[in-house]
Amino acid sequence: MIAVAFGLTPDDAQFEALREEFFANYESRLVEKTYVFDGVAELIERISHNGLKWGVVTNKSARFTVPLTRAMALFGTARTIVSGDTTPHAKPHPAPLLEAARQLDLAPQRCIYVGDDERDIVAGRAAGMPTVAAAYGYLGASAETAGWKADFTIATPGELLNLLKMA
């Protein structure tokens, strides 16, 4: 974002100070306008009610992930939260997904990875997990998820319940 907004690269002398200013501003307002997409709370409730383990793997650094997930009750039943700096590699590398599976004490092939970006699907496939492309949320309905080669695509969070045979 710094590169786009200011035309700077990480090599520019001003880059790091602007980046840190952005991060500090972001951090101070982390949950002010944060909301859960329609249907996600119900999905998590059903998953938890049925005794399934679930978690989050994000490229967001722990600096932001930890306070965000602690501030939102939705994450109270998450069995793992893996941040972008939990492992030496971020997605699309499979390391964060494999770490989540390890923390959940599940073989990767027993996990289902749902992602809203192509790098999520690449990471899931590399980790040996069945993948689900979430064609909602940040991407909007016009996202070209077909090219991601996910095992499944869902248009709403509730559709995941059908895949899990919990509908």
N, C-alpha and C. Protein backbone atom coordinates (compact mmCIF):
# COMPACT_ATOMS: atom_id res chain seq x y z
N MET A 1 0.82 -1.19 0.00
CA MET A 1 0.00 0.00 0.00
C MET A 1 0.87 1.26 0.00
N ILE A 2 1.98 1.18 0.71
CA ILE A 2 2.89 2.33 0.74
C ILE A 2 3.43 2.59 -0.66
N ALA A 3 3.77 1.52 -1.36
CA ALA A 3 4.28 1.67 -2.73
C ALA A 3 3.25 2.33 -3.62
N VAL A 4 2.00 1.91 -3.51
CA VAL A 4 0.95 2.46 -4.36
C VAL A 4 0.64 3.91 -3.97
N ALA A 5 0.50 4.17 -2.68
CA ALA A 5 0.12 5.51 -2.22
C ALA A 5 1.19 6.55 -2.43
N PHE A 6 2.45 6.15 -2.24
CA PHE A 6 3.53 7.14 -2.28
C PHE A 6 4.54 6.90 -3.39
N GLY A 7 4.39 5.84 -4.13
CA GLY A 7 5.34 5.54 -5.20
C GLY A 7 6.72 5.19 -4.68
N LEU A 8 6.78 4.62 -3.49
CA LEU A 8 8.06 4.27 -2.88
C LEU A 8 8.25 2.75 -2.88
N THR A 9 9.50 2.34 -2.84
CA THR A 9 9.83 0.93 -2.70
C THR A 9 10.48 0.74 -1.33
N PRO A 10 10.59 -0.50 -0.86
CA PRO A 10 11.25 -0.73 0.44
C PRO A 10 12.68 -0.19 0.51
N ASP A 11 13.30 0.07 -0.63
CA ASP A 11 14.67 0.61 -0.64
C ASP A 11 14.71 2.10 -0.38
N ASP A 12 13.59 2.80 -0.53
CA ASP A 12 13.55 4.24 -0.31
C ASP A 12 13.69 4.56 1.18
N ALA A 13 14.40 5.63 1.47
CA ALA A 13 14.69 6.01 2.85
C ALA A 13 13.43 6.27 3.68
N GLN A 14 12.38 6.77 3.07
CA GLN A 14 11.14 7.11 3.79
C GLN A 14 10.20 5.92 3.98
N PHE A 15 10.45 4.86 3.26
CA PHE A 15 9.51 3.74 3.22
C PHE A 15 9.21 3.18 4.61
N GLU A 16 10.24 2.84 5.36
CA GLU A 16 10.03 2.16 6.65
C GLU A 16 9.27 3.04 7.64
N ALA A 17 9.58 4.34 7.68
CA ALA A 17 8.87 5.24 8.60
C ALA A 17 7.39 5.35 8.22
N LEU A 18 7.10 5.46 6.93
CA LEU A 18 5.71 5.51 6.48
C LEU A 18 4.98 4.20 6.75
N ARG A 19 5.68 3.10 6.55
CA ARG A 19 5.09 1.78 6.80
C ARG A 19 4.74 1.64 8.28
N GLU A 20 5.66 2.04 9.15
CA GLU A 20 5.41 1.93 10.58
C GLU A 20 4.28 2.87 11.01
N GLU A 21 4.20 4.06 10.43
CA GLU A 21 3.10 4.98 10.73
C GLU A 21 1.76 4.36 10.31
N PHE A 22 1.74 3.76 9.13
CA PHE A 22 0.53 3.07 8.67
C PHE A 22 0.15 1.96 9.63
N PHE A 23 1.13 1.13 10.02
CA PHE A 23 0.85 0.03 10.93
C PHE A 23 0.33 0.53 12.28
N ALA A 24 0.91 1.60 12.80
CA ALA A 24 0.46 2.14 14.09
C ALA A 24 -0.98 2.65 13.99
N ASN A 25 -1.30 3.32 12.90
CA ASN A 25 -2.67 3.80 12.69
C ASN A 25 -3.65 2.63 12.54
N TYR A 26 -3.25 1.64 11.79
CA TYR A 26 -4.07 0.45 11.60
C TYR A 26 -4.30 -0.26 12.94
N GLU A 27 -3.24 -0.43 13.69
CA GLU A 27 -3.31 -1.10 14.98
C GLU A 27 -4.24 -0.37 15.95
N SER A 28 -4.20 0.96 15.95
CA SER A 28 -5.02 1.73 16.89
C SER A 28 -6.51 1.67 16.55
N ARG A 29 -6.85 1.26 15.34
CA ARG A 29 -8.25 1.20 14.91
C ARG A 29 -8.65 -0.21 14.46
N LEU A 30 -7.93 -1.17 14.93
CA LEU A 30 -8.04 -2.55 14.45
C LEU A 30 -9.46 -3.10 14.41
N VAL A 31 -10.25 -2.82 15.43
CA VAL A 31 -11.59 -3.41 15.48
C VAL A 31 -12.71 -2.39 15.35
N GLU A 32 -12.37 -1.15 15.05
CA GLU A 32 -13.40 -0.12 14.97
C GLU A 32 -14.46 -0.41 13.91
N LYS A 33 -14.04 -0.83 12.75
CA LYS A 33 -15.00 -1.10 11.67
C LYS A 33 -14.88 -2.53 11.17
N THR A 34 -14.40 -3.39 12.02
CA THR A 34 -14.26 -4.79 11.66
C THR A 34 -15.58 -5.49 11.92
N TYR A 35 -16.02 -6.27 10.96
CA TYR A 35 -17.26 -7.01 11.11
C TYR A 35 -17.11 -8.38 10.45
N VAL A 36 -17.98 -9.26 10.83
CA VAL A 36 -17.99 -10.61 10.30
C VAL A 36 -18.96 -10.65 9.12
N PHE A 37 -18.58 -11.31 8.05
CA PHE A 37 -19.46 -11.44 6.90
C PHE A 37 -20.73 -12.19 7.30
N ASP A 38 -21.84 -11.82 6.68
CA ASP A 38 -23.12 -12.48 6.93
C ASP A 38 -22.98 -14.00 6.80
N GLY A 39 -23.48 -14.70 7.78
CA GLY A 39 -23.47 -16.15 7.75
C GLY A 39 -22.28 -16.80 8.42
N VAL A 40 -21.22 -16.06 8.67
CA VAL A 40 -20.02 -16.66 9.26
C VAL A 40 -20.25 -17.07 10.72
N ALA A 41 -20.90 -16.23 11.50
CA ALA A 41 -21.14 -16.56 12.91
C ALA A 41 -21.97 -17.83 13.02
N GLU A 42 -22.98 -17.96 12.19
CA GLU A 42 -23.82 -19.16 12.19
C GLU A 42 -23.01 -20.39 11.77
N LEU A 43 -22.16 -20.22 10.77
CA LEU A 43 -21.30 -21.31 10.31
C LEU A 43 -20.40 -21.79 11.45
N ILE A 44 -19.74 -20.87 12.12
CA ILE A 44 -18.83 -21.22 13.22
C ILE A 44 -19.61 -21.89 14.35
N GLU A 45 -20.79 -21.39 14.64
CA GLU A 45 -21.62 -21.99 15.69
C GLU A 45 -21.95 -23.44 15.36
N ARG A 46 -22.34 -23.71 14.13
CA ARG A 46 -22.68 -25.08 13.71
C ARG A 46 -21.45 -25.99 13.72
N ILE A 47 -20.33 -25.48 13.25
CA ILE A 47 -19.10 -26.27 13.25
C ILE A 47 -18.72 -26.64 14.68
N SER A 48 -18.75 -25.65 15.56
CA SER A 48 -18.39 -25.89 16.97
C SER A 48 -19.39 -26.83 17.63
N HIS A 49 -20.67 -26.62 17.37
CA HIS A 49 -21.72 -27.46 17.96
C HIS A 49 -21.55 -28.92 17.56
N ASN A 50 -21.05 -29.14 16.35
CA ASN A 50 -20.85 -30.50 15.86
C ASN A 50 -19.49 -31.08 16.25
N GLY A 51 -18.74 -30.36 17.08
CA GLY A 51 -17.49 -30.88 17.62
C GLY A 51 -16.31 -30.86 16.66
N LEU A 52 -16.42 -30.12 15.58
CA LEU A 52 -15.30 -30.05 14.64
C LEU A 52 -14.28 -29.01 15.12
N LYS A 53 -13.03 -29.31 14.92
CA LYS A 53 -11.96 -28.36 15.23
C LYS A 53 -11.86 -27.38 14.07
N TRP A 54 -11.64 -26.13 14.39
CA TRP A 54 -11.45 -25.14 13.34
C TRP A 54 -10.43 -24.11 13.80
N GLY A 55 -9.88 -23.40 12.82
CA GLY A 55 -8.91 -22.36 13.14
C GLY A 55 -8.75 -21.41 11.99
N VAL A 56 -7.78 -20.54 12.14
CA VAL A 56 -7.52 -19.49 11.16
C VAL A 56 -6.05 -19.52 10.80
N VAL A 57 -5.78 -19.39 9.51
CA VAL A 57 -4.42 -19.20 9.02
C VAL A 57 -4.45 -17.92 8.19
N THR A 58 -3.70 -16.94 8.62
CA THR A 58 -3.70 -15.65 7.95
C THR A 58 -2.27 -15.20 7.67
N ASN A 59 -2.12 -14.34 6.68
CA ASN A 59 -0.81 -13.73 6.43
C ASN A 59 -0.62 -12.47 7.26
N LYS A 60 -1.64 -12.06 7.96
CA LYS A 60 -1.53 -10.90 8.86
C LYS A 60 -0.58 -11.26 9.99
N SER A 61 0.31 -10.36 10.35
CA SER A 61 1.29 -10.66 11.41
C SER A 61 0.59 -10.75 12.77
N ALA A 62 1.21 -11.47 13.69
CA ALA A 62 0.66 -11.66 15.03
C ALA A 62 0.42 -10.32 15.72
N ARG A 63 1.18 -9.31 15.39
CA ARG A 63 1.00 -7.97 15.96
C ARG A 63 -0.44 -7.52 15.81
N PHE A 64 -1.08 -7.92 14.72
CA PHE A 64 -2.46 -7.53 14.44
C PHE A 64 -3.44 -8.67 14.70
N THR A 65 -3.03 -9.90 14.38
CA THR A 65 -3.92 -11.05 14.53
C THR A 65 -4.33 -11.27 15.97
N VAL A 66 -3.38 -11.23 16.89
CA VAL A 66 -3.67 -11.55 18.29
C VAL A 66 -4.68 -10.58 18.88
N PRO A 67 -4.46 -9.27 18.81
CA PRO A 67 -5.48 -8.38 19.41
C PRO A 67 -6.83 -8.44 18.69
N LEU A 68 -6.80 -8.63 17.38
CA LEU A 68 -8.05 -8.70 16.63
C LEU A 68 -8.87 -9.92 17.04
N THR A 69 -8.25 -11.08 17.10
CA THR A 69 -8.98 -12.29 17.44
C THR A 69 -9.38 -12.32 18.91
N ARG A 70 -8.62 -11.68 19.77
CA ARG A 70 -9.01 -11.60 21.19
C ARG A 70 -10.20 -10.66 21.39
N ALA A 71 -10.33 -9.67 20.53
CA ALA A 71 -11.40 -8.68 20.68
C ALA A 71 -12.74 -9.15 20.12
N MET A 72 -12.72 -10.21 19.34
CA MET A 72 -13.95 -10.67 18.69
C MET A 72 -14.35 -12.03 19.25
N ALA A 73 -15.53 -12.10 19.85
CA ALA A 73 -16.01 -13.33 20.48
C ALA A 73 -16.05 -14.51 19.50
N LEU A 74 -16.25 -14.23 18.24
CA LEU A 74 -16.32 -15.27 17.21
C LEU A 74 -15.15 -16.24 17.29
N PHE A 75 -13.98 -15.75 17.64
CA PHE A 75 -12.77 -16.57 17.64
C PHE A 75 -12.59 -17.38 18.92
N GLY A 76 -13.53 -17.28 19.84
CA GLY A 76 -13.43 -17.97 21.12
C GLY A 76 -13.35 -19.48 21.01
N THR A 77 -13.94 -20.05 19.95
CA THR A 77 -13.91 -21.51 19.80
C THR A 77 -12.83 -21.98 18.82
N ALA A 78 -12.05 -21.05 18.29
CA ALA A 78 -10.97 -21.44 17.37
C ALA A 78 -9.93 -22.25 18.13
N ARG A 79 -9.53 -23.36 17.56
CA ARG A 79 -8.55 -24.23 18.22
C ARG A 79 -7.13 -23.87 17.85
N THR A 80 -6.97 -23.07 16.80
CA THR A 80 -5.64 -22.59 16.41
C THR A 80 -5.79 -21.30 15.63
N ILE A 81 -4.82 -20.43 15.79
CA ILE A 81 -4.73 -19.22 14.98
C ILE A 81 -3.27 -19.08 14.61
N VAL A 82 -3.00 -19.19 13.32
CA VAL A 82 -1.64 -19.12 12.81
C VAL A 82 -1.51 -17.81 12.03
N SER A 83 -0.56 -16.99 12.45
CA SER A 83 -0.33 -15.70 11.81
C SER A 83 0.73 -15.81 10.72
N GLY A 84 0.86 -14.75 9.96
CA GLY A 84 1.83 -14.73 8.86
C GLY A 84 3.27 -14.87 9.31
N ASP A 85 3.54 -14.57 10.56
CA ASP A 85 4.91 -14.69 11.07
C ASP A 85 5.07 -15.83 12.08
N THR A 86 4.10 -16.74 12.13
CA THR A 86 4.20 -17.90 13.01
C THR A 86 5.25 -18.88 12.49
N THR A 87 5.32 -19.02 11.19
CA THR A 87 6.31 -19.91 10.56
C THR A 87 7.26 -19.05 9.73
N PRO A 88 8.37 -19.61 9.29
CA PRO A 88 9.30 -18.81 8.48
C PRO A 88 8.74 -18.39 7.12
N HIS A 89 7.64 -19.02 6.70
CA HIS A 89 7.06 -18.71 5.40
C HIS A 89 5.60 -18.34 5.54
N ALA A 90 5.15 -17.42 4.71
CA ALA A 90 3.73 -17.06 4.63
C ALA A 90 3.11 -17.77 3.43
N LYS A 91 1.78 -17.77 3.40
CA LYS A 91 1.09 -18.33 2.23
C LYS A 91 1.52 -17.51 1.00
N PRO A 92 1.73 -18.14 -0.11
CA PRO A 92 1.21 -19.43 -0.55
C PRO A 92 2.05 -20.65 -0.16
N HIS A 93 3.10 -20.47 0.60
CA HIS A 93 3.87 -21.61 1.10
C HIS A 93 2.95 -22.43 2.01
N PRO A 94 3.06 -23.76 2.00
CA PRO A 94 2.18 -24.58 2.83
C PRO A 94 2.53 -24.60 4.33
N ALA A 95 3.68 -24.06 4.72
CA ALA A 95 4.12 -24.16 6.12
C ALA A 95 3.08 -23.69 7.13
N PRO A 96 2.42 -22.55 6.94
CA PRO A 96 1.44 -22.12 7.94
C PRO A 96 0.26 -23.08 8.07
N LEU A 97 -0.19 -23.66 6.97
CA LEU A 97 -1.29 -24.61 7.00
C LEU A 97 -0.87 -25.91 7.68
N LEU A 98 0.34 -26.33 7.40
CA LEU A 98 0.85 -27.54 8.05
C LEU A 98 1.01 -27.31 9.56
N GLU A 99 1.39 -26.12 9.95
CA GLU A 99 1.50 -25.79 11.38
C GLU A 99 0.12 -25.82 12.03
N ALA A 100 -0.87 -25.29 11.36
CA ALA A 100 -2.24 -25.32 11.90
C ALA A 100 -2.71 -26.77 12.07
N ALA A 101 -2.46 -27.61 11.08
CA ALA A 101 -2.85 -29.02 11.17
C ALA A 101 -2.13 -29.69 12.34
N ARG A 102 -0.86 -29.36 12.52
CA ARG A 102 -0.09 -29.92 13.63
C ARG A 102 -0.72 -29.50 14.96
N GLN A 103 -1.05 -28.21 15.08
CA GLN A 103 -1.65 -27.71 16.32
C GLN A 103 -3.02 -28.33 16.58
N LEU A 104 -3.73 -28.66 15.52
CA LEU A 104 -5.05 -29.29 15.65
C LEU A 104 -4.94 -30.81 15.84
N ASP A 105 -3.72 -31.32 15.72
CA ASP A 105 -3.46 -32.76 15.81
C ASP A 105 -4.26 -33.52 14.76
N LEU A 106 -4.23 -32.99 13.55
CA LEU A 106 -4.91 -33.60 12.41
C LEU A 106 -3.94 -33.77 11.25
N ALA A 107 -4.09 -34.85 10.53
CA ALA A 107 -3.33 -35.01 9.29
C ALA A 107 -3.84 -33.97 8.30
N PRO A 108 -2.97 -33.37 7.51
CA PRO A 108 -3.41 -32.33 6.57
C PRO A 108 -4.57 -32.76 5.67
N GLN A 109 -4.56 -34.00 5.23
CA GLN A 109 -5.62 -34.45 4.33
C GLN A 109 -6.97 -34.57 5.05
N ARG A 110 -6.97 -34.48 6.39
CA ARG A 110 -8.22 -34.50 7.16
C ARG A 110 -8.74 -33.09 7.42
N CYS A 111 -8.03 -32.09 6.93
CA CYS A 111 -8.43 -30.69 7.07
C CYS A 111 -9.06 -30.23 5.76
N ILE A 112 -9.88 -29.21 5.85
CA ILE A 112 -10.40 -28.52 4.67
C ILE A 112 -9.97 -27.07 4.82
N TYR A 113 -9.32 -26.55 3.78
CA TYR A 113 -8.86 -25.16 3.86
C TYR A 113 -9.74 -24.28 2.99
N VAL A 114 -10.36 -23.29 3.63
CA VAL A 114 -11.23 -22.33 2.94
C VAL A 114 -10.46 -21.03 2.80
N GLY A 115 -10.39 -20.51 1.58
CA GLY A 115 -9.65 -19.27 1.37
C GLY A 115 -10.36 -18.32 0.44
N ASP A 116 -10.04 -17.04 0.61
CA ASP A 116 -10.65 -16.00 -0.22
C ASP A 116 -9.63 -15.34 -1.15
N ASP A 117 -8.54 -16.05 -1.40
CA ASP A 117 -7.51 -15.53 -2.30
C ASP A 117 -6.85 -16.73 -2.97
N GLU A 118 -6.35 -16.53 -4.17
CA GLU A 118 -5.71 -17.63 -4.88
C GLU A 118 -4.54 -18.22 -4.10
N ARG A 119 -3.79 -17.38 -3.38
CA ARG A 119 -2.65 -17.90 -2.62
C ARG A 119 -3.10 -18.88 -1.54
N ASP A 120 -4.34 -18.74 -1.04
CA ASP A 120 -4.87 -19.69 -0.07
C ASP A 120 -5.05 -21.07 -0.70
N ILE A 121 -5.58 -21.08 -1.90
CA ILE A 121 -5.83 -22.34 -2.59
C ILE A 121 -4.50 -23.00 -2.96
N VAL A 122 -3.54 -22.21 -3.41
CA VAL A 122 -2.21 -22.74 -3.73
C VAL A 122 -1.59 -23.36 -2.47
N ALA A 123 -1.68 -22.66 -1.35
CA ALA A 123 -1.13 -23.17 -0.10
C ALA A 123 -1.83 -24.45 0.34
N GLY A 124 -3.15 -24.46 0.25
CA GLY A 124 -3.91 -25.63 0.65
C GLY A 124 -3.58 -26.85 -0.18
N ARG A 125 -3.48 -26.66 -1.48
CA ARG A 125 -3.14 -27.78 -2.36
C ARG A 125 -1.73 -28.28 -2.05
N ALA A 126 -0.79 -27.36 -1.83
CA ALA A 126 0.59 -27.75 -1.52
C ALA A 126 0.67 -28.48 -0.18
N ALA A 127 -0.24 -28.17 0.74
CA ALA A 127 -0.26 -28.83 2.05
C ALA A 127 -1.00 -30.17 2.00
N GLY A 128 -1.61 -30.48 0.87
CA GLY A 128 -2.34 -31.74 0.74
C GLY A 128 -3.74 -31.70 1.32
N MET A 129 -4.29 -30.49 1.43
CA MET A 129 -5.64 -30.32 1.99
C MET A 129 -6.66 -30.11 0.88
N PRO A 130 -7.86 -30.66 1.04
CA PRO A 130 -8.93 -30.26 0.12
C PRO A 130 -9.16 -28.75 0.28
N THR A 131 -9.45 -28.07 -0.81
CA THR A 131 -9.56 -26.62 -0.78
C THR A 131 -10.94 -26.15 -1.19
N VAL A 132 -11.35 -25.02 -0.60
CA VAL A 132 -12.63 -24.40 -0.90
C VAL A 132 -12.37 -22.92 -1.15
N ALA A 133 -12.76 -22.44 -2.32
CA ALA A 133 -12.64 -21.02 -2.63
C ALA A 133 -13.89 -20.30 -2.14
N ALA A 134 -13.70 -19.29 -1.32
CA ALA A 134 -14.80 -18.48 -0.83
C ALA A 134 -15.01 -17.32 -1.80
N ALA A 135 -16.05 -17.43 -2.60
CA ALA A 135 -16.33 -16.40 -3.63
C ALA A 135 -17.29 -15.36 -3.06
N TYR A 136 -16.97 -14.86 -1.88
CA TYR A 136 -17.76 -13.82 -1.23
C TYR A 136 -16.80 -12.98 -0.39
N GLY A 137 -17.29 -11.96 0.23
CA GLY A 137 -16.45 -11.17 1.13
C GLY A 137 -15.66 -10.11 0.40
N TYR A 138 -14.39 -10.05 0.70
CA TYR A 138 -13.53 -9.00 0.16
C TYR A 138 -13.48 -9.00 -1.36
N LEU A 139 -13.57 -10.17 -1.94
CA LEU A 139 -13.43 -10.29 -3.38
C LEU A 139 -14.64 -9.79 -4.14
N GLY A 140 -15.81 -9.96 -3.58
CA GLY A 140 -17.02 -9.63 -4.29
C GLY A 140 -17.42 -10.75 -5.23
N ALA A 141 -18.61 -10.65 -5.76
CA ALA A 141 -19.17 -11.71 -6.59
C ALA A 141 -18.47 -11.85 -7.93
N SER A 142 -17.71 -10.85 -8.34
CA SER A 142 -17.08 -10.90 -9.67
C SER A 142 -15.70 -11.56 -9.67
N ALA A 143 -15.28 -12.09 -8.54
CA ALA A 143 -13.96 -12.74 -8.46
C ALA A 143 -13.91 -13.93 -9.40
N GLU A 144 -12.77 -14.11 -10.04
CA GLU A 144 -12.56 -15.22 -10.98
C GLU A 144 -11.98 -16.42 -10.26
N THR A 145 -12.75 -16.99 -9.35
CA THR A 145 -12.24 -18.09 -8.52
C THR A 145 -12.06 -19.39 -9.30
N ALA A 146 -12.70 -19.55 -10.44
CA ALA A 146 -12.60 -20.79 -11.21
C ALA A 146 -11.14 -21.09 -11.59
N GLY A 147 -10.38 -20.06 -11.88
CA GLY A 147 -8.98 -20.23 -12.27
C GLY A 147 -8.07 -20.65 -11.13
N TRP A 148 -8.58 -20.62 -9.91
CA TRP A 148 -7.76 -20.99 -8.76
C TRP A 148 -7.62 -22.50 -8.63
N LYS A 149 -8.49 -23.25 -9.25
CA LYS A 149 -8.46 -24.71 -9.22
C LYS A 149 -8.69 -25.29 -7.82
N ALA A 150 -9.59 -24.65 -7.08
CA ALA A 150 -10.00 -25.19 -5.78
C ALA A 150 -10.84 -26.44 -6.01
N ASP A 151 -10.90 -27.27 -5.00
CA ASP A 151 -11.74 -28.47 -5.10
C ASP A 151 -13.22 -28.11 -5.12
N PHE A 152 -13.57 -27.05 -4.39
CA PHE A 152 -14.96 -26.58 -4.32
C PHE A 152 -14.96 -25.06 -4.28
N THR A 153 -16.08 -24.47 -4.65
CA THR A 153 -16.27 -23.03 -4.53
C THR A 153 -17.61 -22.80 -3.85
N ILE A 154 -17.62 -21.86 -2.91
CA ILE A 154 -18.88 -21.53 -2.23
C ILE A 154 -19.17 -20.04 -2.41
N ALA A 155 -20.44 -19.71 -2.55
CA ALA A 155 -20.86 -18.32 -2.73
C ALA A 155 -21.29 -17.68 -1.42
N THR A 156 -21.57 -18.52 -0.41
CA THR A 156 -21.95 -18.02 0.92
C THR A 156 -21.31 -18.93 1.97
N PRO A 157 -21.10 -18.42 3.18
CA PRO A 157 -20.53 -19.26 4.24
C PRO A 157 -21.37 -20.51 4.52
N GLY A 158 -22.68 -20.37 4.45
CA GLY A 158 -23.56 -21.50 4.73
C GLY A 158 -23.36 -22.68 3.79
N GLU A 159 -22.89 -22.42 2.58
CA GLU A 159 -22.66 -23.52 1.64
C GLU A 159 -21.59 -24.49 2.12
N LEU A 160 -20.71 -24.02 3.00
CA LEU A 160 -19.71 -24.92 3.55
C LEU A 160 -20.37 -26.02 4.38
N LEU A 161 -21.48 -25.71 5.02
CA LEU A 161 -22.20 -26.71 5.81
C LEU A 161 -22.64 -27.88 4.91
N ASN A 162 -23.05 -27.58 3.68
CA ASN A 162 -23.43 -28.65 2.76
C ASN A 162 -22.23 -29.54 2.45
N LEU A 163 -21.07 -28.92 2.25
CA LEU A 163 -19.87 -29.71 1.96
C LEU A 163 -19.47 -30.58 3.15
N LEU A 164 -19.70 -30.07 4.34
CA LEU A 164 -19.37 -30.79 5.55
C LEU A 164 -20.47 -31.77 5.95
N LYS A 165 -21.54 -31.81 5.17
CA LYS A 165 -22.71 -32.67 5.45
C LYS A 165 -23.35 -32.32 6.78
N MET A 166 -23.43 -31.00 7.06
CA MET A 166 -24.02 -30.53 8.30
C MET A 166 -25.24 -29.66 8.07
N ALA A 167 -25.70 -29.58 6.83
CA ALA A 167 -26.83 -28.70 6.52
C ALA A 167 -28.13 -29.29 7.03
